[in-house]
């Protein structure tokens, strides 16, 4: 599975997630179960993007630019559904990328780890989509990517970090169980990734993300 196929898989999953809200409103549905595959794949691709990018500064600025561009459509979509407003997923991915940069670029490893941890905490402090967990997932994928066994174990642990408190609080409600299971199932396409780029579509996610959110938000409000 090439990077292109992986990206398309994540985009389709994201469409199910967001379109599910369009059909069923703010209630969790089977569409949202399928939608749980999207973010882990995007997070993994950021870790891969750091490894393969030819211009890290441009990569960082591109994420930041589209984070700014996407914020109004994202908040409009949240407002239409009655959700509390947060920063969009590009901010989450950007903080994850910065955590990787701090870990790799700071000569003092202890300081690099501290700065990476700060990036993770900023995910919570700035109230980005998926919170600190999303930032941590990007960073963890980068650290664990070289060993598939550790990747699976580490990802399972991080999924449980997110869902176990929710499962306990909800007395293991079946909806939350399915959300956790489908989030973990994202590991399947990730493991099938063959390291090849495939069709070049650098700006597909950057353009599609704010565009489809704006269309859905307007459709809901109308």
Protein backbone atom coordinates (compact mmCIF):
# COMPACT_ATOMS: atom_id res chain seq x y z
CA UNK A 1 0.00 0.00 0.00
CA UNK A 2 1.58 3.26 -1.15
CA UNK A 3 1.41 6.61 0.63
CA UNK A 4 -1.22 7.71 -1.89
CA UNK A 5 -3.48 4.72 -1.13
CA UNK A 6 -2.95 5.28 2.59
CA UNK A 7 -3.95 8.92 2.20
CA UNK A 8 -7.07 8.03 0.18
CA UNK A 9 -8.03 5.47 2.84
CA UNK A 10 -7.79 8.16 5.52
CA UNK A 11 -9.74 10.67 3.43
CA UNK A 12 -12.57 8.19 2.81
CA UNK A 13 -12.66 7.37 6.52
CA UNK A 14 -12.76 11.07 7.39
CA UNK A 15 -15.64 11.58 4.95
CA UNK A 16 -17.62 8.82 6.63
CA UNK A 17 -16.96 10.46 10.00
CA UNK A 18 -18.03 13.96 8.99
CA UNK A 19 -20.84 12.90 6.68
CA UNK A 20 -22.20 10.79 9.53
CA UNK A 21 -22.67 13.97 11.53
CA UNK A 22 -24.43 15.52 8.53
CA UNK A 23 -26.90 12.59 8.40
CA UNK A 24 -27.35 11.75 12.08
CA UNK A 25 -26.47 15.05 13.73
CA UNK A 26 -24.16 15.11 16.77
CA UNK A 27 -25.01 11.50 17.65
CA UNK A 28 -22.44 8.72 17.22
CA UNK A 29 -23.28 6.34 14.36
CA UNK A 30 -21.64 3.56 12.36
CA UNK A 31 -20.19 6.30 10.14
CA UNK A 32 -18.17 7.56 13.09
CA UNK A 33 -16.90 4.06 13.81
CA UNK A 34 -15.46 3.92 10.30
CA UNK A 35 -14.20 7.46 10.76
CA UNK A 36 -11.92 6.42 13.62
CA UNK A 37 -9.40 5.08 11.11
CA UNK A 38 -8.64 8.53 9.70
CA UNK A 39 -6.65 10.37 12.35
CA UNK A 40 -4.15 7.59 13.20
CA UNK A 41 -3.34 7.29 9.49
CA UNK A 42 -2.83 11.04 9.16
CA UNK A 43 -0.68 11.00 12.30
CA UNK A 44 1.44 8.19 10.88
CA UNK A 45 1.88 10.06 7.61
CA UNK A 46 3.22 13.09 9.46
CA UNK A 47 5.88 10.88 11.04
CA UNK A 48 6.72 9.55 7.59
CA UNK A 49 6.59 13.04 6.11
CA UNK A 50 9.27 14.22 8.51
CA UNK A 51 11.53 11.40 7.33
CA UNK A 52 11.02 11.99 3.62
CA UNK A 53 10.52 15.74 3.28
CA UNK A 54 13.13 17.64 1.27
CA UNK A 55 12.37 20.95 2.98
CA UNK A 56 11.34 20.72 6.63
CA UNK A 57 10.73 24.45 7.01
CA UNK A 58 8.31 24.49 4.08
CA UNK A 59 6.58 21.43 5.49
CA UNK A 60 6.07 23.18 8.85
CA UNK A 61 4.88 26.42 7.29
CA UNK A 62 2.51 24.56 4.94
CA UNK A 63 0.84 22.84 7.89
CA UNK A 64 0.61 26.14 9.75
CA UNK A 65 -0.84 27.99 6.74
CA UNK A 66 -3.55 25.43 6.13
CA UNK A 67 -4.27 25.24 9.86
CA UNK A 68 -5.12 28.95 9.69
CA UNK A 69 -7.11 28.55 6.45
CA UNK A 70 -9.08 25.59 7.83
CA UNK A 71 -10.03 27.14 11.15
CA UNK A 72 -13.12 29.03 10.02
CA UNK A 73 -14.65 26.09 8.07
CA UNK A 74 -13.82 23.77 10.98
CA UNK A 75 -15.42 26.01 13.61
CA UNK A 76 -18.39 26.61 11.33
CA UNK A 77 -18.88 22.84 11.10
CA UNK A 78 -18.59 22.48 14.88
CA UNK A 79 -21.01 25.36 15.44
CA UNK A 80 -23.55 23.83 13.05
CA UNK A 81 -23.49 20.61 15.09
CA UNK A 82 -23.54 22.34 18.46
CA UNK A 83 -20.05 21.16 19.40
CA UNK A 84 -17.66 23.21 21.52
CA UNK A 85 -15.07 24.98 19.40
CA UNK A 86 -11.49 23.71 19.16
CA UNK A 87 -8.46 24.16 16.93
CA UNK A 88 -8.53 21.99 13.83
CA UNK A 89 -6.57 18.84 13.05
CA UNK A 90 -3.78 20.66 11.20
CA UNK A 91 -2.76 22.31 14.48
CA UNK A 92 -2.64 18.85 16.06
CA UNK A 93 -0.46 17.48 13.27
CA UNK A 94 1.74 20.59 13.38
CA UNK A 95 2.42 20.19 17.09
CA UNK A 96 3.22 16.52 16.49
CA UNK A 97 5.69 17.48 13.78
CA UNK A 98 7.28 20.10 16.06
CA UNK A 99 7.61 17.46 18.80
CA UNK A 100 9.54 15.27 16.36
CA UNK A 101 11.70 18.24 15.31
CA UNK A 102 12.54 19.04 18.92
CA UNK A 103 13.49 15.43 19.62
CA UNK A 104 15.70 15.16 16.53
CA UNK A 105 17.16 18.63 16.14
CA UNK A 106 18.02 19.68 19.71
CA UNK A 107 21.60 18.49 20.43
CA UNK A 108 20.86 18.01 24.13
CA UNK A 109 18.58 14.94 24.14
CA UNK A 110 17.11 15.67 27.56
CA UNK A 111 16.16 19.16 26.44
CA UNK A 112 14.79 17.72 23.20
CA UNK A 113 12.55 15.32 25.13
CA UNK A 114 11.38 18.15 27.41
CA UNK A 115 10.49 20.33 24.42
CA UNK A 116 8.69 17.40 22.79
CA UNK A 117 6.69 16.93 26.00
CA UNK A 118 5.84 20.65 25.94
CA UNK A 119 4.49 20.25 22.40
CA UNK A 120 2.32 17.38 23.63
CA UNK A 121 1.07 19.46 26.55
CA UNK A 122 0.30 22.36 24.21
CA UNK A 123 -2.13 20.02 22.47
CA UNK A 124 -4.15 20.08 25.68
CA UNK A 125 -3.52 23.72 26.54
CA UNK A 126 -4.50 25.02 23.09
CA UNK A 127 -7.48 22.66 22.86
CA UNK A 128 -6.56 21.21 19.48
CA UNK A 129 -8.61 18.47 17.85
CA UNK A 130 -7.79 15.15 19.60
CA UNK A 131 -5.98 17.13 22.31
CA UNK A 132 -2.65 16.04 23.77
CA UNK A 133 -3.43 12.46 22.67
CA UNK A 134 -3.31 13.41 19.00
CA UNK A 135 0.06 15.14 19.34
CA UNK A 136 1.44 12.22 21.35
CA UNK A 137 0.30 9.76 18.68
CA UNK A 138 2.23 11.57 15.94
CA UNK A 139 5.37 11.56 18.07
CA UNK A 140 4.94 7.93 19.13
CA UNK A 141 4.53 6.77 15.54
CA UNK A 142 7.85 8.41 14.69
CA UNK A 143 9.66 6.80 17.63
CA UNK A 144 8.20 3.33 17.01
CA UNK A 145 8.01 3.27 13.20
CA UNK A 146 11.17 1.17 12.67
CA UNK A 147 9.86 -1.87 14.55
CA UNK A 148 6.43 -3.23 13.58
CA UNK A 149 5.98 -5.22 16.78
CA UNK A 150 6.71 -2.17 18.94
CA UNK A 151 4.52 -0.09 16.63
CA UNK A 152 1.52 -2.35 17.23
CA UNK A 153 2.11 -2.61 20.99
CA UNK A 154 2.75 1.12 21.35
CA UNK A 155 -0.29 2.05 19.31
CA UNK A 156 -2.49 -0.32 21.33
CA UNK A 157 -1.22 1.29 24.54
CA UNK A 158 -1.94 4.80 23.26
CA UNK A 159 -5.43 3.78 22.11
CA UNK A 160 -6.10 2.43 25.60
CA UNK A 161 -4.73 5.65 27.09
CA UNK A 162 -7.47 7.51 25.26
CA UNK A 163 -10.37 5.10 25.63
CA UNK A 164 -9.90 3.22 28.89
CA UNK A 165 -11.00 6.14 31.13
CA UNK A 166 -13.99 6.70 28.82
CA UNK A 167 -14.87 3.01 28.87
CA UNK A 168 -14.70 2.85 32.67
CA UNK A 169 -16.74 6.03 33.07
CA UNK A 170 -19.41 4.76 30.65
CA UNK A 171 -19.48 1.27 32.23
CA UNK A 172 -18.04 -0.13 29.00
CA UNK A 173 -20.82 1.18 26.80
CA UNK A 174 -20.80 -0.63 23.45
CA UNK A 175 -20.49 2.64 21.48
CA UNK A 176 -17.18 3.48 23.15
CA UNK A 177 -15.99 -0.11 22.74
CA UNK A 178 -16.59 0.13 18.99
CA UNK A 179 -14.87 3.51 18.82
CA UNK A 180 -11.79 2.04 20.51
CA UNK A 181 -11.78 -1.06 18.29
CA UNK A 182 -12.10 0.89 15.06
CA UNK A 183 -9.40 3.33 16.16
CA UNK A 184 -7.04 0.41 16.70
CA UNK A 185 -8.00 -1.11 13.32
CA UNK A 186 -6.16 1.81 11.70
CA UNK A 187 -3.01 -0.21 12.37
CA UNK A 188 -3.94 -2.56 9.50
CA UNK A 189 -3.50 -0.10 6.60
CA UNK A 190 -0.49 1.39 8.42
CA UNK A 191 1.21 -2.03 8.54
CA UNK A 192 0.38 -2.56 4.86
CA UNK A 193 2.23 0.63 3.90
CA UNK A 194 5.14 -0.28 1.62
CA UNK A 195 7.16 2.91 1.95
CA UNK A 196 6.44 4.03 -1.63
CA UNK A 197 4.92 7.35 -2.55
CA UNK A 198 2.58 6.31 -5.33
CA UNK A 199 0.65 9.02 -7.13
CA UNK A 200 1.83 12.50 -6.10
CA UNK A 201 -0.98 14.46 -4.42
CA UNK A 202 0.82 16.79 -2.01
CA UNK A 203 -2.07 19.24 -1.62
CA UNK A 204 -5.01 16.81 -1.71
CA UNK A 205 -5.59 16.76 2.07
CA UNK A 206 -4.74 20.43 2.50
CA UNK A 207 -7.43 21.51 0.02
CA UNK A 208 -10.01 18.80 0.64
CA UNK A 209 -10.14 19.20 4.43
CA UNK A 210 -11.36 22.83 4.69
CA UNK A 211 -13.41 22.58 1.48
CA UNK A 212 -15.54 19.60 2.52
CA UNK A 213 -16.01 21.03 6.03
CA UNK A 214 -17.28 24.31 4.59
CA UNK A 215 -19.71 22.48 2.26
CA UNK A 216 -21.05 20.27 5.07
CA UNK A 217 -21.37 23.18 7.51
CA UNK A 218 -23.34 25.27 5.02
CA UNK A 219 -25.54 22.27 4.15
CA UNK A 220 -26.33 21.67 7.85
CA UNK A 221 -27.07 25.34 8.57
CA UNK A 222 -29.31 25.65 5.53
